Structure formats: structure tokens, C-alpha cells
Amino acid sequence: MSLMNGYSLFANALSGLSNTYSILAKNSQTTGGLTLEDITNPSNTTLAQLGYNTSFAQFLSTNFAAIDQDADGKISADDMSNLTNKLSQNGLTYQEICQLCSSGMGNSDMLSNILTYFNQIDTNKDGRITNAEIQAFSLKADEEKLKTEYQSFKPSSMSVFYSDSDSDEEPSSLVDNLYPQDNS
């Protein structure tokens, strides 16, 4: 496993949410934010602009009440900013990763590894993982892999002799090169 960096995972999730909000808000008839109706019933033009990817819009509608901090029935730009800041700082849950990161992730192996090892990555057991936890898990996994790999090397399995495989000369010891040889 090479070093996993959750930065791209978080960047894709947060930019997907922000872009979806922007597209929905631009095409909305409501001023001052998005209503639940704006999110759940977008026009065909809006759907085309979203690339027919509705996972981010579904996230917004499912979590509408929690996102609408002032309970005015609209998700404002401030509400979205608060949401993305909160997700960035606190991390993502397993369900949020599944919903927000499954579409548009260029590295599906990384996403698969993160979902597979979610409970091991979540070291503080808060049900969320952060980029720092992903990187720490990746470093620990690489360290364990190297420990296992290098434990198989034993001095008894190494040779102190070397030779040129194309040469007819007898192999010599490393010690032989330490002293001048008599060429007579």
C-alpha cells in the first residue's frame, strides 16, 4: 500500500457539494438560498448541468434540516460554507464517504481501501475519518509491510562472495579486495 492521502477524497466531496449548490442556486427561482423543492425537483437544464449526477443533491436533500442552520426553509451560501467547513474539520462518516465520494473519484482503489479499513483508520472512534487519520493509517500500514519484508532477510542467507557471472574466475571474498594481490 502506498501512502494514501485523503486530501483528494475530501476535496472531491467538498467541491462536489459546493458545485452542486452553485448550479442549483443559479437555476433556482428562490432568492436567498435553496428550498427543498429546488433540490428535489430540478429542471432538466439543471440536471444536465449537474451531469445527471444527483448524489450531491440527494445528500443536500437528505440532510436539509441539519444544513439549514437558521431553519428558514432555505440552504443559504452561509449554510453551505458552514457545512463544508464542518466536514473538512471533523471528517466524513462511512455513509458520507459512500454518498459523496463514490462518484467522481479518480482513484477507486484508494476509496475501496478507505471503506475497507474505515474502522481501523478511525483511531479516535468518533465515526468519522479525517485526512490526518488516513495518512497516519497509511504510514502505519507501510511501516508494517516493510517490517514484515525485512524480517525475512537473515545474515545467514546472504553471501559474502561475489563474482562477475561472465567471468571464469573463482568468486572471491570481499576481504580479498582489502589487500593488495600478488600478480606474479
C-alpha atoms as a PDB file:
ATOM      1  CA  MET A   1       0.000   0.000   0.000  1.00  0.00           C
ATOM      2  CA  SER A   2       1.493   3.289  -0.928  1.00  0.00           C
ATOM      3  CA  LEU A   3       0.838   6.424   1.029  1.00  0.00           C
ATOM      4  CA  MET A   4      -2.847   7.248   0.901  1.00  0.00           C
ATOM      5  CA  ASN A   5      -3.665  10.899   1.084  1.00  0.00           C
ATOM      6  CA  GLY A   6      -7.265  11.697   1.914  1.00  0.00           C
ATOM      7  CA  TYR A   7      -6.878  15.226   0.585  1.00  0.00           C
ATOM      8  CA  SER A   8      -8.280  14.312  -2.834  1.00  0.00           C
ATOM      9  CA  LEU A   9     -11.141  12.412  -1.218  1.00  0.00           C
ATOM     10  CA  PHE A  10     -12.155  15.431   0.852  1.00  0.00           C
ATOM     11  CA  ALA A  11     -11.537  17.880  -1.987  1.00  0.00           C
ATOM     12  CA  ASN A  12     -13.796  15.906  -4.341  1.00  0.00           C
ATOM     13  CA  ALA A  13     -16.549  15.602  -1.751  1.00  0.00           C
ATOM     14  CA  LEU A  14     -16.497  19.256  -0.739  1.00  0.00           C
ATOM     15  CA  SER A  15     -16.137  20.656  -4.245  1.00  0.00           C
ATOM     16  CA  GLY A  16     -18.916  18.359  -5.452  1.00  0.00           C
ATOM     17  CA  LEU A  17     -21.217  19.709  -2.756  1.00  0.00           C
ATOM     18  CA  SER A  18     -20.244  23.317  -3.464  1.00  0.00           C
ATOM     19  CA  ASN A  19     -20.594  22.947  -7.233  1.00  0.00           C
ATOM     20  CA  THR A  20     -23.970  21.239  -6.893  1.00  0.00           C
ATOM     21  CA  TYR A  21     -25.177  24.012  -4.590  1.00  0.00           C
ATOM     22  CA  SER A  22     -23.938  26.668  -7.038  1.00  0.00           C
ATOM     23  CA  ILE A  23     -25.672  25.068 -10.016  1.00  0.00           C
ATOM     24  CA  LEU A  24     -28.915  24.544  -8.109  1.00  0.00           C
ATOM     25  CA  ALA A  25     -28.827  28.088  -6.697  1.00  0.00           C
ATOM     26  CA  LYS A  26     -28.110  29.630 -10.119  1.00  0.00           C
ATOM     27  CA  ASN A  27     -31.134  27.892 -11.616  1.00  0.00           C
ATOM     28  CA  SER A  28     -33.418  28.416  -8.617  1.00  0.00           C
ATOM     29  CA  GLN A  29     -36.377  30.768  -8.636  1.00  0.00           C
ATOM     30  CA  THR A  30     -35.913  31.294  -4.883  1.00  0.00           C
ATOM     31  CA  THR A  31     -33.809  34.180  -3.617  1.00  0.00           C
ATOM     32  CA  GLY A  32     -31.518  33.834  -0.639  1.00  0.00           C
ATOM     33  CA  GLY A  33     -30.882  30.114  -0.917  1.00  0.00           C
ATOM     34  CA  LEU A  34     -32.268  26.772  -1.945  1.00  0.00           C
ATOM     35  CA  THR A  35     -35.541  25.294  -0.797  1.00  0.00           C
ATOM     36  CA  LEU A  36     -36.055  21.565  -0.503  1.00  0.00           C
ATOM     37  CA  GLU A  37     -38.250  21.814  -3.607  1.00  0.00           C
ATOM     38  CA  ASP A  38     -35.345  23.403  -5.555  1.00  0.00           C
ATOM     39  CA  ILE A  39     -33.136  20.452  -4.648  1.00  0.00           C
ATOM     40  CA  THR A  40     -35.575  17.585  -5.123  1.00  0.00           C
ATOM     41  CA  ASN A  41     -37.194  18.805  -8.359  1.00  0.00           C
ATOM     42  CA  PRO A  42     -34.513  20.390 -10.530  1.00  0.00           C
ATOM     43  CA  SER A  43     -35.258  21.275 -14.116  1.00  0.00           C
ATOM     44  CA  ASN A  44     -33.892  19.194 -16.970  1.00  0.00           C
ATOM     45  CA  THR A  45     -31.442  22.004 -17.718  1.00  0.00           C
ATOM     46  CA  THR A  46     -30.188  21.896 -14.139  1.00  0.00           C
ATOM     47  CA  LEU A  47     -29.870  18.104 -14.263  1.00  0.00           C
ATOM     48  CA  ALA A  48     -27.850  18.373 -17.458  1.00  0.00           C
ATOM     49  CA  GLN A  49     -25.552  20.937 -15.818  1.00  0.00           C
ATOM     50  CA  LEU A  50     -25.084  18.549 -12.892  1.00  0.00           C
ATOM     51  CA  GLY A  51     -24.082  15.871 -15.382  1.00  0.00           C
ATOM     52  CA  TYR A  52     -27.069  13.824 -14.224  1.00  0.00           C
ATOM     53  CA  ASN A  53     -25.100  13.068 -11.075  1.00  0.00           C
ATOM     54  CA  THR A  54     -27.588  13.604  -8.286  1.00  0.00           C
ATOM     55  CA  SER A  55     -25.646  12.083  -5.374  1.00  0.00           C
ATOM     56  CA  PHE A  56     -24.653  15.520  -4.040  1.00  0.00           C
ATOM     57  CA  ALA A  57     -28.200  16.858  -4.449  1.00  0.00           C
ATOM     58  CA  GLN A  58     -29.500  13.768  -2.637  1.00  0.00           C
ATOM     59  CA  PHE A  59     -27.071  14.478   0.195  1.00  0.00           C
ATOM     60  CA  LEU A  60     -28.352  18.071   0.412  1.00  0.00           C
ATOM     61  CA  SER A  61     -31.994  16.960   0.461  1.00  0.00           C
ATOM     62  CA  THR A  62     -31.421  14.140   2.961  1.00  0.00           C
ATOM     63  CA  ASN A  63     -29.567  16.467   5.338  1.00  0.00           C
ATOM     64  CA  PHE A  64     -31.620  19.580   4.571  1.00  0.00           C
ATOM     65  CA  ALA A  65     -32.795  20.244   8.142  1.00  0.00           C
ATOM     66  CA  ALA A  66     -29.299  19.855   9.589  1.00  0.00           C
ATOM     67  CA  ILE A  67     -27.750  22.107   6.918  1.00  0.00           C
ATOM     68  CA  ASP A  68     -30.433  24.819   7.246  1.00  0.00           C
ATOM     69  CA  GLN A  69     -28.999  26.209  10.484  1.00  0.00           C
ATOM     70  CA  ASP A  70     -31.443  29.105  10.888  1.00  0.00           C
ATOM     71  CA  ALA A  71     -34.453  26.883   9.997  1.00  0.00           C
ATOM     72  CA  ASP A  72     -35.802  29.396   7.483  1.00  0.00           C
ATOM     73  CA  GLY A  73     -36.564  26.673   4.937  1.00  0.00           C
ATOM     74  CA  LYS A  74     -33.580  27.572   2.747  1.00  0.00           C
ATOM     75  CA  ILE A  75     -29.978  26.491   2.494  1.00  0.00           C
ATOM     76  CA  SER A  76     -28.045  29.728   2.141  1.00  0.00           C
ATOM     77  CA  ALA A  77     -24.477  30.240   0.976  1.00  0.00           C
ATOM     78  CA  ASP A  78     -23.504  30.676   4.641  1.00  0.00           C
ATOM     79  CA  ASP A  79     -25.167  27.364   5.496  1.00  0.00           C
ATOM     80  CA  MET A  80     -23.139  25.689   2.745  1.00  0.00           C
ATOM     81  CA  SER A  81     -19.934  27.312   3.921  1.00  0.00           C
ATOM     82  CA  ASN A  82     -20.609  26.090   7.473  1.00  0.00           C
ATOM     83  CA  LEU A  83     -21.305  22.570   6.159  1.00  0.00           C
ATOM     84  CA  THR A  84     -18.122  22.331   4.105  1.00  0.00           C
ATOM     85  CA  ASN A  85     -16.016  23.757   6.951  1.00  0.00           C
ATOM     86  CA  LYS A  86     -17.549  21.269   9.404  1.00  0.00           C
ATOM     87  CA  LEU A  87     -16.960  18.303   7.088  1.00  0.00           C
ATOM     88  CA  SER A  88     -13.411  19.449   6.372  1.00  0.00           C
ATOM     89  CA  GLN A  89     -12.534  19.787  10.055  1.00  0.00           C
ATOM     90  CA  ASN A  90     -14.497  16.891  11.553  1.00  0.00           C
ATOM     91  CA  GLY A  91     -14.091  14.366   8.754  1.00  0.00           C
ATOM     92  CA  LEU A  92     -16.569  12.169   6.937  1.00  0.00           C
ATOM     93  CA  THR A  93     -18.659   9.235   8.127  1.00  0.00           C
ATOM     94  CA  TYR A  94     -18.735   5.928   6.281  1.00  0.00           C
ATOM     95  CA  GLN A  95     -22.123   6.833   4.767  1.00  0.00           C
ATOM     96  CA  GLU A  96     -20.928  10.298   3.730  1.00  0.00           C
ATOM     97  CA  ILE A  97     -17.906   8.789   2.003  1.00  0.00           C
ATOM     98  CA  CYS A  98     -20.127   6.297   0.183  1.00  0.00           C
ATOM     99  CA  GLN A  99     -22.505   9.018  -0.962  1.00  0.00           C
ATOM    100  CA  LEU A 100     -20.132  11.897  -1.655  1.00  0.00           C
ATOM    101  CA  CYS A 101     -17.016  10.140  -2.881  1.00  0.00           C
ATOM    102  CA  SER A 102     -18.254   7.227  -4.948  1.00  0.00           C
ATOM    103  CA  SER A 103     -18.866   9.419  -7.970  1.00  0.00           C
ATOM    104  CA  GLY A 104     -16.008  11.350  -9.437  1.00  0.00           C
ATOM    105  CA  MET A 105     -13.224   9.611  -7.529  1.00  0.00           C
ATOM    106  CA  GLY A 106     -10.383   9.046  -9.916  1.00  0.00           C
ATOM    107  CA  ASN A 107      -8.669   6.534  -7.650  1.00  0.00           C
ATOM    108  CA  SER A 108     -11.262   3.894  -6.826  1.00  0.00           C
ATOM    109  CA  ASP A 109      -8.577   1.686  -5.216  1.00  0.00           C
ATOM    110  CA  MET A 110      -7.977   4.371  -2.609  1.00  0.00           C
ATOM    111  CA  LEU A 111     -11.716   4.721  -1.958  1.00  0.00           C
ATOM    112  CA  SER A 112     -12.061   0.956  -1.696  1.00  0.00           C
ATOM    113  CA  ASN A 113      -9.160   0.763   0.785  1.00  0.00           C
ATOM    114  CA  ILE A 114     -10.588   3.586   2.879  1.00  0.00           C
ATOM    115  CA  LEU A 115     -14.010   1.945   3.042  1.00  0.00           C
ATOM    116  CA  THR A 116     -12.500  -1.483   3.771  1.00  0.00           C
ATOM    117  CA  TYR A 117     -10.309  -0.225   6.603  1.00  0.00           C
ATOM    118  CA  PHE A 118     -12.638   2.530   7.847  1.00  0.00           C
ATOM    119  CA  ASN A 119     -12.809   1.230  11.433  1.00  0.00           C
ATOM    120  CA  GLN A 120      -9.017   0.872  11.660  1.00  0.00           C
ATOM    121  CA  ILE A 121      -8.484   4.335  10.161  1.00  0.00           C
ATOM    122  CA  ASP A 122     -10.912   5.915  12.650  1.00  0.00           C
ATOM    123  CA  THR A 123      -8.458   5.830  15.546  1.00  0.00           C
ATOM    124  CA  ASN A 124     -10.438   8.148  17.838  1.00  0.00           C
ATOM    125  CA  LYS A 125     -13.607   6.060  17.222  1.00  0.00           C
ATOM    126  CA  ASP A 126     -15.843   9.081  16.584  1.00  0.00           C
ATOM    127  CA  GLY A 127     -17.386   7.507  13.484  1.00  0.00           C
ATOM    128  CA  ARG A 128     -15.607   9.966  11.173  1.00  0.00           C
ATOM    129  CA  ILE A 129     -12.266   9.892   9.442  1.00  0.00           C
ATOM    130  CA  THR A 130     -10.061  12.844   8.664  1.00  0.00           C
ATOM    131  CA  ASN A 131      -7.237  13.285   6.195  1.00  0.00           C
ATOM    132  CA  ALA A 132      -4.759  13.079   9.097  1.00  0.00           C
ATOM    133  CA  GLU A 133      -6.185   9.709  10.173  1.00  0.00           C
ATOM    134  CA  ILE A 134      -5.987   8.401   6.604  1.00  0.00           C
ATOM    135  CA  GLN A 135      -2.342   9.452   6.297  1.00  0.00           C
ATOM    136  CA  ALA A 136      -1.450   8.005   9.723  1.00  0.00           C
ATOM    137  CA  PHE A 137      -3.080   4.686   8.826  1.00  0.00           C
ATOM    138  CA  SER A 138      -1.262   4.598   5.508  1.00  0.00           C
ATOM    139  CA  LEU A 139       2.117   5.271   7.133  1.00  0.00           C
ATOM    140  CA  LYS A 140       1.490   2.573   9.745  1.00  0.00           C
ATOM    141  CA  ALA A 141       0.475   0.081   7.027  1.00  0.00           C
ATOM    142  CA  ASP A 142       3.623   0.858   5.021  1.00  0.00           C
ATOM    143  CA  GLU A 143       5.765   0.521   8.157  1.00  0.00           C
ATOM    144  CA  GLU A 144       4.263  -2.885   8.986  1.00  0.00           C
ATOM    145  CA  LYS A 145       4.750  -4.046   5.404  1.00  0.00           C
ATOM    146  CA  LEU A 146       8.436  -3.044   5.495  1.00  0.00           C
ATOM    147  CA  LYS A 147       8.938  -4.727   8.875  1.00  0.00           C
ATOM    148  CA  THR A 148       7.497  -7.952   7.519  1.00  0.00           C
ATOM    149  CA  GLU A 149       9.528  -7.699   4.324  1.00  0.00           C
ATOM    150  CA  TYR A 150      12.839  -7.044   6.079  1.00  0.00           C
ATOM    151  CA  GLN A 151      12.329  -9.676   8.753  1.00  0.00           C
ATOM    152  CA  SER A 152      12.828 -12.261   6.023  1.00  0.00           C
ATOM    153  CA  PHE A 153      16.409 -11.074   5.461  1.00  0.00           C
ATOM    154  CA  LYS A 154      18.857 -13.029   7.594  1.00  0.00           C
ATOM    155  CA  PRO A 155      22.635 -12.718   7.607  1.00  0.00           C
ATOM    156  CA  SER A 156      22.892 -16.476   7.145  1.00  0.00           C
ATOM    157  CA  SER A 157      21.091 -16.232   3.815  1.00  0.00           C
ATOM    158  CA  MET A 158      23.462 -13.604   2.422  1.00  0.00           C
ATOM    159  CA  SER A 159      26.677 -14.398   0.660  1.00  0.00           C
ATOM    160  CA  VAL A 160      29.931 -12.552   1.178  1.00  0.00           C
ATOM    161  CA  PHE A 161      31.183 -13.808  -2.143  1.00  0.00           C
ATOM    162  CA  TYR A 162      30.709 -12.136  -5.440  1.00  0.00           C
ATOM    163  CA  SER A 163      31.843 -12.582  -8.956  1.00  0.00           C
ATOM    164  CA  ASP A 164      31.150 -11.472 -12.438  1.00  0.00           C
ATOM    165  CA  SER A 165      28.789 -14.083 -13.839  1.00  0.00           C
ATOM    166  CA  ASP A 166      30.511 -13.862 -17.245  1.00  0.00           C
ATOM    167  CA  SER A 167      33.925 -14.453 -15.752  1.00  0.00           C
ATOM    168  CA  ASP A 168      35.715 -17.794 -15.461  1.00  0.00           C
ATOM    169  CA  GLU A 169      37.486 -16.630 -12.332  1.00  0.00           C
ATOM    170  CA  GLU A 170      36.704 -18.134  -8.985  1.00  0.00           C
ATOM    171  CA  PRO A 171      34.477 -15.982  -6.828  1.00  0.00           C
ATOM    172  CA  SER A 172      36.399 -14.014  -4.289  1.00  0.00           C
ATOM    173  CA  SER A 173      35.595 -12.806  -0.859  1.00  0.00           C
ATOM    174  CA  LEU A 174      35.013  -9.171  -0.030  1.00  0.00           C
ATOM    175  CA  VAL A 175      38.022  -9.479   2.246  1.00  0.00           C
ATOM    176  CA  ASP A 176      40.251 -10.310  -0.752  1.00  0.00           C
ATOM    177  CA  ASN A 177      39.801  -6.799  -2.104  1.00  0.00           C
ATOM    178  CA  LEU A 178      41.054  -5.226   1.076  1.00  0.00           C
ATOM    179  CA  TYR A 179      44.622  -6.419   0.494  1.00  0.00           C
ATOM    180  CA  PRO A 180      46.930  -5.994  -2.488  1.00  0.00           C
ATOM    181  CA  GLN A 181      47.182  -9.076  -4.612  1.00  0.00           C
ATOM    182  CA  ASP A 182      50.362 -10.599  -5.932  1.00  0.00           C
ATOM    183  CA  ASN A 183      50.047 -10.728  -9.721  1.00  0.00           C
ATOM    184  CA  SER A 184      53.250 -12.651 -10.335  1.00  0.00           C
END
